[in-house]
């Protein structure tokens, strides 16, 4: 236990004496394993046939099928969701760029100053 405590102390120092950042470093270290577990959980799901009984829209402009697919997609936890469930904030360097802003940046002409 003493060696583990010393290792954690070094990790906190490496994170600029910020214990929250040290915990985030520990979680980031485990991300590949967490992603692998999530992928394993759904990889053997076989969908041979999908039958859709569509009743049209439901007032929000989306069809029942669109709502079903949207709900299925949302059921897979995102990295942000995992951090939120743990009561933590995902570090900015792991969030990536907003797709709309990234597209805007690449389409804007660069100016020489």
C-alpha atoms as a PDB file:
ATOM      1  CA  UNK A   1       0.000   0.000   0.000  1.00  0.00           C
ATOM      2  CA  UNK A   2       2.896   2.345   0.727  1.00  0.00           C
ATOM      3  CA  UNK A   3       4.258   1.910  -2.785  1.00  0.00           C
ATOM      4  CA  UNK A   4       0.815   2.495  -4.267  1.00  0.00           C
ATOM      5  CA  UNK A   5       0.422   5.685  -2.219  1.00  0.00           C
ATOM      6  CA  UNK A   6       3.858   6.869  -3.369  1.00  0.00           C
ATOM      7  CA  UNK A   7       2.890   6.163  -6.990  1.00  0.00           C
ATOM      8  CA  UNK A   8      -0.345   8.124  -6.619  1.00  0.00           C
ATOM      9  CA  UNK A   9       1.590  10.986  -5.029  1.00  0.00           C
ATOM     10  CA  UNK A  10       3.926  11.062  -8.036  1.00  0.00           C
ATOM     11  CA  UNK A  11       0.932  11.019 -10.375  1.00  0.00           C
ATOM     12  CA  UNK A  12      -0.623  14.006  -8.592  1.00  0.00           C
ATOM     13  CA  UNK A  13       2.694  15.867  -8.825  1.00  0.00           C
ATOM     14  CA  UNK A  14       2.904  15.026 -12.547  1.00  0.00           C
ATOM     15  CA  UNK A  15      -0.587  16.500 -12.937  1.00  0.00           C
ATOM     16  CA  UNK A  16       0.583  19.829 -11.523  1.00  0.00           C
ATOM     17  CA  UNK A  17      -0.542  18.974  -7.962  1.00  0.00           C
ATOM     18  CA  UNK A  18      -4.123  18.828  -9.196  1.00  0.00           C
ATOM     19  CA  UNK A  19      -5.775  15.686  -7.830  1.00  0.00           C
ATOM     20  CA  UNK A  20      -8.729  16.000 -10.237  1.00  0.00           C
ATOM     21  CA  UNK A  21      -6.386  15.985 -13.229  1.00  0.00           C
ATOM     22  CA  UNK A  22      -4.530  13.023 -11.728  1.00  0.00           C
ATOM     23  CA  UNK A  23      -7.777  11.047 -11.553  1.00  0.00           C
ATOM     24  CA  UNK A  24      -8.505  11.976 -15.168  1.00  0.00           C
ATOM     25  CA  UNK A  25      -5.074  10.658 -16.150  1.00  0.00           C
ATOM     26  CA  UNK A  26      -5.917   7.357 -14.456  1.00  0.00           C
ATOM     27  CA  UNK A  27      -9.217   7.161 -16.336  1.00  0.00           C
ATOM     28  CA  UNK A  28      -7.617   8.042 -19.663  1.00  0.00           C
ATOM     29  CA  UNK A  29      -5.162   5.223 -19.054  1.00  0.00           C
ATOM     30  CA  UNK A  30      -8.117   2.810 -18.769  1.00  0.00           C
ATOM     31  CA  UNK A  31     -10.023   4.144 -21.815  1.00  0.00           C
ATOM     32  CA  UNK A  32      -8.825   1.481 -24.269  1.00  0.00           C
ATOM     33  CA  UNK A  33     -10.019  -1.230 -21.893  1.00  0.00           C
ATOM     34  CA  UNK A  34     -13.384   0.507 -21.381  1.00  0.00           C
ATOM     35  CA  UNK A  35     -13.909   0.915 -25.125  1.00  0.00           C
ATOM     36  CA  UNK A  36     -13.002  -2.739 -25.682  1.00  0.00           C
ATOM     37  CA  UNK A  37     -15.586  -3.807 -23.082  1.00  0.00           C
ATOM     38  CA  UNK A  38     -18.259  -1.682 -24.772  1.00  0.00           C
ATOM     39  CA  UNK A  39     -17.399  -3.089 -28.202  1.00  0.00           C
ATOM     40  CA  UNK A  40     -17.421  -6.669 -26.877  1.00  0.00           C
ATOM     41  CA  UNK A  41     -20.877  -6.108 -25.386  1.00  0.00           C
ATOM     42  CA  UNK A  42     -22.462  -5.403 -28.769  1.00  0.00           C
ATOM     43  CA  UNK A  43     -20.249  -7.162 -31.310  1.00  0.00           C
ATOM     44  CA  UNK A  44     -22.205 -10.435 -31.422  1.00  0.00           C
ATOM     45  CA  UNK A  45     -25.612  -8.878 -31.799  1.00  0.00           C
ATOM     46  CA  UNK A  46     -27.009 -10.279 -35.017  1.00  0.00           C
ATOM     47  CA  UNK A  47     -29.885  -8.576 -36.753  1.00  0.00           C
ATOM     48  CA  UNK A  48     -31.055 -10.790 -39.585  1.00  0.00           C
ATOM     49  CA  UNK A  49     -34.249  -8.967 -40.399  1.00  0.00           C
ATOM     50  CA  UNK A  50     -35.910  -5.726 -39.426  1.00  0.00           C
ATOM     51  CA  UNK A  51     -39.632  -5.254 -39.939  1.00  0.00           C
ATOM     52  CA  UNK A  52     -40.895  -1.715 -39.603  1.00  0.00           C
ATOM     53  CA  UNK A  53     -44.528  -0.901 -38.915  1.00  0.00           C
ATOM     54  CA  UNK A  54     -44.590   2.817 -39.559  1.00  0.00           C
ATOM     55  CA  UNK A  55     -47.479   4.913 -38.324  1.00  0.00           C
ATOM     56  CA  UNK A  56     -46.208   8.196 -39.674  1.00  0.00           C
ATOM     57  CA  UNK A  57     -45.049  11.178 -37.706  1.00  0.00           C
ATOM     58  CA  UNK A  58     -45.714  11.886 -34.068  1.00  0.00           C
ATOM     59  CA  UNK A  59     -45.906  15.660 -34.087  1.00  0.00           C
ATOM     60  CA  UNK A  60     -42.189  16.427 -33.760  1.00  0.00           C
ATOM     61  CA  UNK A  61     -41.438  15.981 -37.441  1.00  0.00           C
ATOM     62  CA  UNK A  62     -39.753  12.604 -36.964  1.00  0.00           C
ATOM     63  CA  UNK A  63     -41.142   9.257 -37.974  1.00  0.00           C
ATOM     64  CA  UNK A  64     -41.396   6.351 -35.556  1.00  0.00           C
ATOM     65  CA  UNK A  65     -38.492   4.691 -37.368  1.00  0.00           C
ATOM     66  CA  UNK A  66     -36.313   7.784 -36.992  1.00  0.00           C
ATOM     67  CA  UNK A  67     -37.144   7.940 -33.283  1.00  0.00           C
ATOM     68  CA  UNK A  68     -36.332   4.237 -32.873  1.00  0.00           C
ATOM     69  CA  UNK A  69     -32.952   4.543 -34.597  1.00  0.00           C
ATOM     70  CA  UNK A  70     -32.143   7.727 -32.708  1.00  0.00           C
ATOM     71  CA  UNK A  71     -32.968   6.011 -29.417  1.00  0.00           C
ATOM     72  CA  UNK A  72     -30.861   2.981 -30.303  1.00  0.00           C
ATOM     73  CA  UNK A  73     -27.891   5.202 -31.169  1.00  0.00           C
ATOM     74  CA  UNK A  74     -28.267   7.157 -27.933  1.00  0.00           C
ATOM     75  CA  UNK A  75     -28.253   3.957 -25.881  1.00  0.00           C
ATOM     76  CA  UNK A  76     -24.532   3.496 -26.543  1.00  0.00           C
ATOM     77  CA  UNK A  77     -22.697   5.507 -23.918  1.00  0.00           C
ATOM     78  CA  UNK A  78     -20.375   8.181 -25.176  1.00  0.00           C
ATOM     79  CA  UNK A  79     -17.152   9.058 -23.479  1.00  0.00           C
ATOM     80  CA  UNK A  80     -18.741  12.276 -22.248  1.00  0.00           C
ATOM     81  CA  UNK A  81     -21.600  10.276 -20.717  1.00  0.00           C
ATOM     82  CA  UNK A  82     -19.161   7.997 -18.921  1.00  0.00           C
ATOM     83  CA  UNK A  83     -17.386  10.980 -17.384  1.00  0.00           C
ATOM     84  CA  UNK A  84     -20.709  12.585 -16.442  1.00  0.00           C
ATOM     85  CA  UNK A  85     -21.843   9.400 -14.692  1.00  0.00           C
ATOM     86  CA  UNK A  86     -18.620   9.471 -12.702  1.00  0.00           C
ATOM     87  CA  UNK A  87     -19.298  13.111 -11.738  1.00  0.00           C
ATOM     88  CA  UNK A  88     -16.341  14.414 -13.728  1.00  0.00           C
ATOM     89  CA  UNK A  89     -15.753  16.768 -16.625  1.00  0.00           C
ATOM     90  CA  UNK A  90     -14.180  15.427 -19.813  1.00  0.00           C
ATOM     91  CA  UNK A  91     -10.894  17.299 -20.426  1.00  0.00           C
ATOM     92  CA  UNK A  92     -10.945  19.727 -23.343  1.00  0.00           C
ATOM     93  CA  UNK A  93      -8.172  17.843 -25.137  1.00  0.00           C
ATOM     94  CA  UNK A  94     -10.411  14.727 -25.280  1.00  0.00           C
ATOM     95  CA  UNK A  95     -13.569  16.512 -26.420  1.00  0.00           C
ATOM     96  CA  UNK A  96     -12.446  17.221 -29.967  1.00  0.00           C
ATOM     97  CA  UNK A  97     -13.902  19.924 -32.149  1.00  0.00           C
ATOM     98  CA  UNK A  98     -17.523  20.599 -32.880  1.00  0.00           C
ATOM     99  CA  UNK A  99     -18.139  19.215 -36.394  1.00  0.00           C
ATOM    100  CA  UNK A 100     -19.924  22.354 -37.592  1.00  0.00           C
ATOM    101  CA  UNK A 101     -17.111  24.606 -36.353  1.00  0.00           C
ATOM    102  CA  UNK A 102     -14.436  22.317 -37.794  1.00  0.00           C
ATOM    103  CA  UNK A 103     -16.118  22.402 -41.217  1.00  0.00           C
ATOM    104  CA  UNK A 104     -16.449  26.177 -41.003  1.00  0.00           C
ATOM    105  CA  UNK A 105     -12.744  26.538 -40.164  1.00  0.00           C
ATOM    106  CA  UNK A 106     -11.676  24.383 -43.109  1.00  0.00           C
ATOM    107  CA  UNK A 107     -13.938  26.228 -45.559  1.00  0.00           C
ATOM    108  CA  UNK A 108     -12.859  29.739 -44.544  1.00  0.00           C
ATOM    109  CA  UNK A 109     -10.061  31.228 -46.653  1.00  0.00           C
ATOM    110  CA  UNK A 110      -6.858  31.865 -44.777  1.00  0.00           C
ATOM    111  CA  UNK A 111      -5.603  35.417 -44.688  1.00  0.00           C
ATOM    112  CA  UNK A 112      -1.978  36.465 -44.464  1.00  0.00           C
ATOM    113  CA  UNK A 113      -1.298  39.013 -41.765  1.00  0.00           C
END
